[in-house]
Protein backbone atom coordinates (compact mmCIF):
# COMPACT_ATOMS: atom_id res chain seq x y z
CA UNK A 1 75.79 -6.96 -83.48
CA UNK A 2 72.15 -6.78 -84.65
CA UNK A 3 69.57 -4.92 -82.39
CA UNK A 4 66.68 -6.99 -80.89
CA UNK A 5 63.38 -6.64 -82.55
CA UNK A 6 60.95 -4.13 -80.88
CA UNK A 7 57.68 -5.59 -79.45
CA UNK A 8 54.89 -5.75 -81.85
CA UNK A 9 52.30 -3.01 -81.17
CA UNK A 10 49.39 -5.46 -81.09
CA UNK A 11 51.17 -7.72 -78.67
CA UNK A 12 51.92 -4.84 -76.32
CA UNK A 13 48.25 -3.87 -76.36
CA UNK A 14 47.21 -7.38 -75.25
CA UNK A 15 49.70 -7.25 -72.38
CA UNK A 16 48.12 -4.01 -71.11
CA UNK A 17 44.60 -5.46 -71.39
CA UNK A 18 45.63 -8.59 -69.50
CA UNK A 19 47.24 -6.56 -66.73
CA UNK A 20 44.15 -4.37 -66.46
CA UNK A 21 41.85 -7.39 -66.21
CA UNK A 22 44.02 -8.91 -63.49
CA UNK A 23 44.01 -5.63 -61.59
CA UNK A 24 40.22 -5.29 -61.82
CA UNK A 25 39.75 -8.90 -60.71
CA UNK A 26 42.04 -8.39 -57.72
CA UNK A 27 40.09 -5.25 -56.79
CA UNK A 28 36.75 -7.04 -57.04
CA UNK A 29 38.07 -9.91 -54.94
CA UNK A 30 39.35 -7.50 -52.31
CA UNK A 31 36.04 -5.61 -52.29
CA UNK A 32 34.06 -8.82 -51.82
CA UNK A 33 36.31 -9.87 -48.99
CA UNK A 34 35.86 -6.52 -47.30
CA UNK A 35 32.10 -6.56 -47.90
CA UNK A 36 31.64 -10.01 -46.42
CA UNK A 37 29.78 -9.65 -43.10
CA UNK A 38 31.74 -10.68 -40.05
CA UNK A 39 30.70 -13.95 -38.46
CA UNK A 40 27.98 -13.93 -35.79
CA UNK A 41 28.69 -15.06 -32.27
CA UNK A 42 25.75 -16.17 -30.16
CA UNK A 43 25.46 -15.68 -26.46
CA UNK A 44 23.64 -18.66 -25.03
CA UNK A 45 22.40 -20.08 -21.76
CA UNK A 46 21.54 -23.67 -20.95
CA UNK A 47 18.03 -24.91 -20.30
CA UNK A 48 18.24 -26.63 -16.93
CA UNK A 49 16.00 -27.98 -14.22
CA UNK A 50 15.81 -26.10 -10.98
CA UNK A 51 13.54 -24.18 -8.61
CA UNK A 52 11.49 -21.15 -9.62
CA UNK A 53 10.26 -19.15 -6.65
CA UNK A 54 7.82 -16.39 -7.61
CA UNK A 55 7.46 -13.69 -4.99
CA UNK A 56 6.00 -10.25 -4.35
CA UNK A 57 8.05 -7.67 -2.49
CA UNK A 58 6.72 -4.55 -0.80
CA UNK A 59 7.38 -2.20 2.08
CA UNK A 60 5.18 -1.52 5.07
CA UNK A 61 4.97 0.05 8.51
CA UNK A 62 4.67 -1.86 11.77
CA UNK A 63 1.93 -0.83 14.17
CA UNK A 64 -0.03 -2.20 17.08
CA UNK A 65 -3.20 -4.08 16.21
CA UNK A 66 -5.15 -1.63 18.41
CA UNK A 67 -4.03 1.99 18.75
CA UNK A 68 -6.16 4.42 20.76
CA UNK A 69 -5.78 8.16 21.13
CA UNK A 70 -6.91 9.18 24.62
CA UNK A 71 -8.24 12.72 24.79
CA UNK A 72 -10.21 15.03 27.04
CA UNK A 73 -13.94 15.62 26.80
CA UNK A 74 -13.72 18.88 28.78
CA UNK A 75 -11.45 21.89 28.70
CA UNK A 76 -9.21 22.75 31.59
CA UNK A 77 -5.73 22.71 33.08
CA UNK A 78 -3.86 19.42 33.43
CA UNK A 79 -3.51 18.93 37.18
CA UNK A 80 -1.78 15.53 37.34
CA UNK A 81 -0.41 12.87 34.99
CA UNK A 82 -0.29 9.30 36.24
CA UNK A 83 1.41 7.75 33.16
CA UNK A 84 4.32 8.55 30.88
CA UNK A 85 6.10 7.14 27.82
CA UNK A 86 6.30 3.32 27.81
CA UNK A 87 4.05 3.05 30.87
CA UNK A 88 1.99 -0.13 31.00
CA UNK A 89 -1.61 0.65 31.90
CA UNK A 90 -4.75 -1.37 32.58
CA UNK A 91 -8.26 -0.70 31.39
CA UNK A 92 -9.95 1.77 33.75
CA UNK A 93 -6.69 2.92 35.34
CA UNK A 94 -6.49 6.64 36.12
CA UNK A 95 -3.85 8.17 33.85
CA UNK A 96 -4.54 11.93 33.99
CA UNK A 97 -6.59 14.53 35.89
CA UNK A 98 -7.89 17.95 34.91
CA UNK A 99 -8.26 20.62 37.59
CA UNK A 100 -11.83 20.02 38.85
CA UNK A 101 -12.39 23.35 40.69
CA UNK A 102 -14.58 24.95 38.01
CA UNK A 103 -16.56 21.78 37.49
CA UNK A 104 -17.16 21.33 41.21
CA UNK A 105 -18.49 24.91 41.33
CA UNK A 106 -20.78 24.22 38.41
CA UNK A 107 -22.00 21.08 40.15
CA UNK A 108 -22.80 23.00 43.32
CA UNK A 109 -24.70 25.60 41.32
CA UNK A 110 -26.62 22.86 39.51
CA UNK A 111 -27.61 21.32 42.83
CA UNK A 112 -28.84 24.70 44.06
CA UNK A 113 -30.88 25.14 40.87
CA UNK A 114 -32.51 21.78 41.51
CA UNK A 115 -33.48 22.79 45.05
CA UNK A 116 -34.87 26.08 43.75
CA UNK A 117 -36.85 24.23 41.13
CA UNK A 118 -38.31 21.86 43.66
CA UNK A 119 -39.38 24.83 45.82
CA UNK A 120 -41.01 26.57 42.87
CA UNK A 121 -42.87 23.40 42.01
CA UNK A 122 -44.21 23.03 45.54
CA UNK A 123 -45.27 26.68 45.55
CA UNK A 124 -47.08 26.22 42.25
CA UNK A 125 -48.81 23.09 43.53
CA UNK A 126 -49.95 25.01 46.65
CA UNK A 127 -51.32 27.76 44.43
CA UNK A 128 -53.25 25.17 42.47
CA UNK A 129 -54.68 23.73 45.67
CA UNK A 130 -55.87 27.17 46.81
CA UNK A 131 -57.34 28.00 43.41
CA UNK A 132 -59.14 24.66 43.25
CA UNK A 133 -60.70 25.19 46.67
CA UNK A 134 -61.91 28.64 45.63
CA UNK A 135 -63.41 27.27 42.43
CA UNK A 136 -65.06 24.36 44.21
CA UNK A 137 -66.60 26.79 46.81
CA UNK A 138 -67.86 29.29 44.20
CA UNK A 139 -69.40 26.73 41.90
CA UNK A 140 -72.35 25.73 44.15
CA UNK A 141 -72.81 29.36 45.15
CA UNK A 142 -73.26 30.29 41.53
CA UNK A 143 -75.76 27.48 41.14
CA UNK A 144 -77.79 29.12 43.95
CA UNK A 145 -77.33 32.56 42.34
CA UNK A 146 -75.48 33.72 45.41
CA UNK A 147 -72.51 35.07 43.40
CA UNK A 148 -72.13 36.52 39.98
CA UNK A 149 -71.01 34.47 36.98
CA UNK A 150 -67.97 36.68 36.64
CA UNK A 151 -66.76 35.61 40.05
CA UNK A 152 -67.00 31.94 39.04
CA UNK A 153 -65.21 32.60 35.76
CA UNK A 154 -62.41 34.37 37.61
CA UNK A 155 -61.99 31.43 39.98
CA UNK A 156 -61.86 28.98 37.06
CA UNK A 157 -59.27 31.08 35.21
CA UNK A 158 -57.15 31.34 38.32
CA UNK A 159 -57.23 27.55 38.71
CA UNK A 160 -56.13 26.95 35.11
CA UNK A 161 -53.31 29.47 35.44
CA UNK A 162 -52.15 27.78 38.63
CA UNK A 163 -52.17 24.36 36.95
CA UNK A 164 -50.13 25.79 34.04
CA UNK A 165 -47.65 27.23 36.52
CA UNK A 166 -47.25 23.75 37.99
CA UNK A 167 -46.39 22.34 34.54
CA UNK A 168 -43.86 25.15 33.98
CA UNK A 169 -42.33 24.54 37.41
CA UNK A 170 -41.97 20.85 36.66
CA UNK A 171 -40.24 21.71 33.36
CA UNK A 172 -37.82 24.05 35.10
CA UNK A 173 -37.10 21.38 37.68
CA UNK A 174 -36.39 18.85 34.92
CA UNK A 175 -34.00 21.31 33.29
CA UNK A 176 -32.23 21.87 36.58
CA UNK A 177 -31.88 18.14 37.13
CA UNK A 178 -30.52 17.69 33.59
CA UNK A 179 -28.01 20.45 34.23
CA UNK A 180 -27.06 18.68 37.46
CA UNK A 181 -26.46 15.44 35.55
CA UNK A 182 -24.33 17.28 32.97
CA UNK A 183 -22.29 18.90 35.72
CA UNK A 184 -21.72 15.51 37.34
CA UNK A 185 -20.63 14.03 34.00
CA UNK A 186 -18.27 16.93 33.31
CA UNK A 187 -16.77 16.57 36.74
CA UNK A 188 -16.27 12.84 36.10
CA UNK A 189 -14.54 13.68 32.79
CA UNK A 190 -11.84 15.53 34.72
CA UNK A 191 -10.52 12.08 35.67
CA UNK A 192 -9.20 10.41 32.50
CA UNK A 193 -8.93 6.62 32.57
CA UNK A 194 -7.31 4.20 30.14
CA UNK A 195 -9.86 2.62 27.78
CA UNK A 196 -7.71 -0.46 27.08
CA UNK A 197 -4.90 -2.57 28.44
CA UNK A 198 -1.79 -1.37 26.69
CA UNK A 199 1.35 0.71 26.60
CA UNK A 200 1.74 4.47 26.35
CA UNK A 201 3.63 5.22 23.15
CA UNK A 202 3.03 8.97 23.07
CA UNK A 203 2.29 11.78 25.53
CA UNK A 204 1.19 15.13 24.11
CA UNK A 205 0.73 17.35 27.20
CA UNK A 206 2.49 18.34 30.41
CA UNK A 207 1.25 19.19 33.88
CA UNK A 208 -0.08 22.76 33.96
CA UNK A 209 -0.91 22.85 30.26
CA UNK A 210 -4.44 23.91 29.35
CA UNK A 211 -6.37 21.77 26.90
CA UNK A 212 -9.35 23.08 24.94
CA UNK A 213 -12.10 20.71 23.87
CA UNK A 214 -14.27 23.23 22.07
CA UNK A 215 -14.01 21.76 18.56
CA UNK A 216 -12.49 18.31 19.08
CA UNK A 217 -11.08 16.28 21.91
CA UNK A 218 -7.40 17.13 22.37
CA UNK A 219 -5.08 14.11 22.44
CA UNK A 220 -3.30 13.54 25.74
CA UNK A 221 -1.94 10.00 25.30
CA UNK A 222 -1.61 7.52 22.47
CA UNK A 223 -1.99 3.97 23.70
CA UNK A 224 -1.01 0.82 21.86
CA UNK A 225 -2.66 -2.46 22.68
CA UNK A 226 -0.71 -5.61 23.43
CA UNK A 227 2.60 -5.13 21.57
CA UNK A 228 3.08 -8.88 21.47
CA UNK A 229 0.47 -8.84 18.69
CA UNK A 230 1.38 -6.43 15.88
CA UNK A 231 0.56 -5.88 12.25
CA UNK A 232 2.29 -4.62 9.12
CA UNK A 233 0.36 -2.32 6.79
CA UNK A 234 1.98 -3.09 3.45
CA UNK A 235 1.61 -1.07 0.24
CA UNK A 236 1.23 -3.60 -2.59
CA UNK A 237 1.31 -2.41 -6.21
CA UNK A 238 -1.83 -2.99 -8.23
CA UNK A 239 0.11 -5.24 -10.63
CA UNK A 240 0.90 -7.61 -7.75
CA UNK A 241 -2.22 -7.44 -5.61
CA UNK A 242 -3.95 -10.16 -7.66
CA UNK A 243 -1.23 -12.64 -6.71
CA UNK A 244 -1.89 -12.32 -2.98
CA UNK A 245 -4.69 -13.72 -0.84
CA UNK A 246 -5.61 -13.85 2.83
CA UNK A 247 -3.86 -16.65 4.68
CA UNK A 248 -0.60 -16.51 2.74
CA UNK A 249 2.60 -16.55 4.75
CA UNK A 250 4.93 -13.55 4.57
CA UNK A 251 8.42 -12.81 5.78
CA UNK A 252 10.05 -9.46 6.41
CA UNK A 253 13.13 -7.79 7.79
CA UNK A 254 13.57 -4.50 9.62
CA UNK A 255 16.60 -2.24 9.70
CA UNK A 256 17.02 -2.73 13.44
CA UNK A 257 17.61 -6.48 12.98
CA UNK A 258 18.89 -6.92 9.40
CA UNK A 259 20.07 -10.49 10.00
CA UNK A 260 16.78 -11.73 11.45
CA UNK A 261 13.77 -12.65 9.32
CA UNK A 262 10.35 -12.33 10.92
CA UNK A 263 7.25 -14.23 9.85
CA UNK A 264 3.62 -13.24 9.53
CA UNK A 265 0.33 -14.13 7.87
CA UNK A 266 -1.78 -11.97 5.57
CA UNK A 267 -5.01 -11.18 7.42
CA UNK A 268 -6.76 -9.18 4.71
CA UNK A 269 -6.20 -7.16 1.57
CA UNK A 270 -8.19 -3.98 1.89
CA UNK A 271 -10.17 -2.80 -1.12
CA UNK A 272 -9.54 0.87 -0.47
CA UNK A 273 -6.99 2.11 -3.06
CA UNK A 274 -4.23 4.52 -2.14
CA UNK A 275 -3.08 6.74 -5.02
CA UNK A 276 0.14 8.73 -4.86
CA UNK A 277 1.71 10.32 -7.95
CA UNK A 278 -0.60 8.22 -10.17
CA UNK A 279 0.65 5.01 -8.52
CA UNK A 280 -2.13 2.84 -7.09
CA UNK A 281 -1.39 0.57 -4.15
CA UNK A 282 -3.47 -1.53 -1.77
CA UNK A 283 -2.99 -2.23 1.92
CA UNK A 284 -2.19 -5.88 2.68
CA UNK A 285 -2.46 -6.28 6.47
CA UNK A 286 -0.06 -8.87 7.90
CA UNK A 287 -0.44 -10.22 11.44
CA UNK A 288 2.86 -10.63 13.28
CA UNK A 289 3.74 -12.31 16.56
CA UNK A 290 6.13 -10.26 18.70
CA UNK A 291 6.76 -12.32 21.85
CA UNK A 292 10.21 -10.83 22.51
CA UNK A 293 8.99 -7.24 21.94
CA UNK A 294 11.80 -6.66 19.45
CA UNK A 295 9.49 -5.02 16.96
CA UNK A 296 8.34 -1.50 17.70
CA UNK A 297 5.54 0.63 16.22
CA UNK A 298 6.65 2.69 13.26
CA UNK A 299 9.45 0.40 12.06
CA UNK A 300 9.79 -0.05 8.29
CA UNK A 301 9.36 -3.64 7.15
CA UNK A 302 10.63 -5.01 3.83
CA UNK A 303 8.09 -7.73 3.10
CA UNK A 304 8.40 -10.76 0.83
CA UNK A 305 5.46 -13.02 -0.02
CA UNK A 306 6.07 -16.23 -1.98
CA UNK A 307 2.97 -16.92 -4.06
CA UNK A 308 4.36 -19.79 -6.18
CA UNK A 309 7.17 -22.25 -5.50
CA UNK A 310 8.13 -24.70 -8.24
CA UNK A 311 10.68 -27.40 -7.40
CA UNK A 312 12.90 -28.97 -10.09
CA UNK A 313 11.05 -27.65 -13.13
CA UNK A 314 12.40 -26.91 -16.59
CA UNK A 315 13.43 -23.25 -16.64
CA UNK A 316 15.00 -20.75 -19.02
CA UNK A 317 16.52 -17.33 -18.39
CA UNK A 318 14.16 -14.45 -18.98
CA UNK A 319 16.80 -12.94 -21.27
CA UNK A 320 16.11 -15.75 -23.75
CA UNK A 321 12.40 -14.85 -23.80
CA UNK A 322 13.21 -11.18 -24.30
CA UNK A 323 15.70 -11.80 -27.13
CA UNK A 324 14.71 -10.47 -30.55
CA UNK A 325 16.89 -11.46 -33.55
CA UNK A 326 18.73 -8.54 -35.24
CA UNK A 327 18.67 -8.08 -39.02
CA UNK A 328 22.20 -9.53 -39.35
CA UNK A 329 21.01 -12.78 -37.80
CA UNK A 330 17.96 -12.95 -40.04
CA UNK A 331 20.11 -12.23 -43.07
CA UNK A 332 22.54 -14.99 -42.07
CA UNK A 333 19.64 -17.41 -41.78
CA UNK A 334 18.26 -16.30 -45.13
CA UNK A 335 15.00 -15.32 -43.59
CA UNK A 336 12.67 -12.38 -44.09
CA UNK A 337 13.20 -9.17 -42.21
CA UNK A 338 10.49 -9.96 -39.68
CA UNK A 339 11.10 -12.15 -36.66
CA UNK A 340 8.70 -14.85 -35.44
CA UNK A 341 5.89 -13.37 -33.43
CA UNK A 342 5.03 -14.27 -29.90
CA UNK A 343 2.19 -13.49 -27.62
CA UNK A 344 3.12 -10.14 -26.14
CA UNK A 345 2.06 -8.94 -22.76
CA UNK A 346 1.42 -5.41 -21.65
CA UNK A 347 5.10 -4.62 -22.13
CA UNK A 348 4.90 -5.23 -25.90
CA UNK A 349 7.33 -8.13 -25.72
CA UNK A 350 10.22 -6.00 -24.48
CA UNK A 351 9.90 -6.40 -20.74
CA UNK A 352 10.31 -9.47 -18.56
CA UNK A 353 7.87 -12.31 -19.13
CA UNK A 354 4.58 -12.06 -17.34
CA UNK A 355 4.19 -14.61 -14.59
CA UNK A 356 1.21 -16.90 -14.91
CA UNK A 357 -0.31 -19.05 -12.24
CA UNK A 358 -2.67 -20.96 -14.47
CA UNK A 359 -2.28 -22.27 -17.99
CA UNK A 360 0.71 -20.08 -18.84
CA UNK A 361 1.19 -18.07 -22.02
CA UNK A 362 2.79 -18.71 -25.38
CA UNK A 363 6.25 -17.38 -26.11
CA UNK A 364 8.98 -17.79 -28.71
CA UNK A 365 12.66 -18.23 -28.09
CA UNK A 366 15.69 -19.24 -30.17
CA UNK A 367 17.52 -22.51 -29.61
CA UNK A 368 21.03 -23.13 -30.95
CA UNK A 369 21.07 -26.48 -32.75
CA UNK A 370 24.09 -27.62 -34.78
CA UNK A 371 25.50 -24.12 -34.52
CA UNK A 372 22.45 -22.49 -36.08
CA UNK A 373 19.60 -20.79 -34.20
CA UNK A 374 16.07 -22.09 -34.65
CA UNK A 375 12.83 -20.66 -33.32
CA UNK A 376 10.96 -22.69 -30.71
CA UNK A 377 7.51 -22.16 -29.25
CA UNK A 378 7.10 -22.65 -25.52
CA UNK A 379 4.49 -22.09 -22.85
CA UNK A 380 5.81 -20.34 -19.76
CA UNK A 381 4.53 -20.48 -16.21
CA UNK A 382 5.65 -18.49 -13.20
CA UNK A 383 8.73 -16.29 -13.19
CA UNK A 384 11.03 -15.19 -10.39
CA UNK A 385 12.39 -12.26 -12.37
CA UNK A 386 15.47 -14.16 -13.56
CA UNK A 387 14.12 -17.52 -14.70
CA UNK A 388 10.77 -18.62 -16.06
CA UNK A 389 9.14 -22.00 -15.78
CA UNK A 390 8.60 -23.90 -19.04
CA UNK A 391 5.29 -25.75 -18.97
CA UNK A 392 5.49 -27.18 -22.48
CA UNK A 393 7.29 -26.62 -25.76
CA UNK A 394 10.02 -27.89 -28.08
CA UNK A 395 12.91 -27.40 -25.66
CA UNK A 396 14.42 -29.78 -23.19
CA UNK A 397 17.09 -29.81 -20.53
CA UNK A 398 20.54 -29.22 -22.00
CA UNK A 399 19.40 -27.10 -24.94
CA UNK A 400 21.28 -23.85 -25.49
CA UNK A 401 18.93 -20.90 -25.86
CA UNK A 402 20.11 -17.66 -27.45
CA UNK A 403 20.19 -14.66 -25.13
CA UNK A 404 22.19 -12.29 -27.38
CA UNK A 405 24.20 -12.00 -30.58
CA UNK A 406 27.23 -9.96 -31.60
CA UNK A 407 29.45 -9.61 -34.65
CA UNK A 408 33.25 -9.93 -34.38
CA UNK A 409 35.73 -8.92 -37.08
CA UNK A 410 38.47 -11.05 -38.54
CA UNK A 411 42.12 -10.29 -37.93
CA UNK A 412 42.61 -8.83 -41.43
CA UNK A 413 41.75 -6.86 -43.45
CA UNK A 414 38.99 -5.62 -41.17
CA UNK A 415 39.84 -2.72 -38.85
CA UNK A 416 40.70 -3.31 -35.25
CA UNK A 417 37.74 -4.05 -32.99
CA UNK A 418 36.77 -1.59 -30.30
CA UNK A 419 36.42 -2.77 -26.71
CA UNK A 420 33.66 -5.37 -26.47
CA UNK A 421 34.54 -7.24 -29.63
CA UNK A 422 32.09 -5.53 -32.03
CA UNK A 423 33.44 -3.92 -35.18
CA UNK A 424 32.14 -1.47 -37.72
CA UNK A 425 32.02 -2.62 -41.31
CA UNK A 426 34.15 -0.63 -43.78
CA UNK A 427 31.17 -0.02 -46.06
């Protein structure tokens, strides 16, 4: 039987070339498939109508509208206390006494000094009267040359000295009377009276304790005025102080009554800055009614002030205003590597939108239309930290705004996705 003919060498060469071309084509196809970027998935939120309540929050300390520290003008031992913690006192009511023994002794001595001064004055006046009589008798005698001129000069000098002694005696008497008045005042200071109608919130001394008033008046009691009228001294950050004004209503809660919300009114915003660790705050004083006496001095109040309340306005999530398109999204849209610019605030466009109470500010966001994102310019108003009011722009209720974007891999031949859905490209 004849043997089959062997393949022609040229034909075998073409078979190898064809196989190589097919292999290279399959490799290129596989490479392009693997290099194809995974599809983008957009996280969106709907543009809806609803309320936007812009508010300022701060913390403060409750205190009485009037707080007085009652001290002692004189030093001495506390003899009696007529008030204690939580005592209700009236203006002028005796609340403490200092042992008056030393001051009574000083008063008696001052009275004696006054009597002595009056006696010295009368003696000096009598001396003047005698000297004047001598001078008046010697003067006509000298005119008749019955006495020497030296005798007349001596009489005149004696009269002037006596008159000067009267002036000195009057001065000493005035000093004695002044010392008497001071002793009377010091004795009166041993009885300490309440300067206001109020409640004792602090007592700093006990009976028998000695107080010294040499440098400053020592505090014996701290009195609070009518506790039915209180105030909250609130520390407001400098970024928020411009949003507040006197007359605005405020609400707050305290830890003692977490389920109850109290109301107040801003009385004033003090211009004195308070700086702590390079943080500047201002004191917003809030008047509070306390008819049930639930609130106590020193309580911590968590204050909320609503400075803008928009009802049923077009609003978008702040995440949509913060969103910046990644390079993958720009590449998918066939755009340049730079994103549309927007008017940035102090945060450089990365933080939450700045609230505006007037004409608003221009911003850019991305709206998903027909499955593709498109940039839209809007003007935003006030913000509550989660949503911002849209004053004008090319968005309307029902639009889907982009808040985020992620890439997800296909089932094959891409590697398995890690938790969260994002995958790493093979190249």
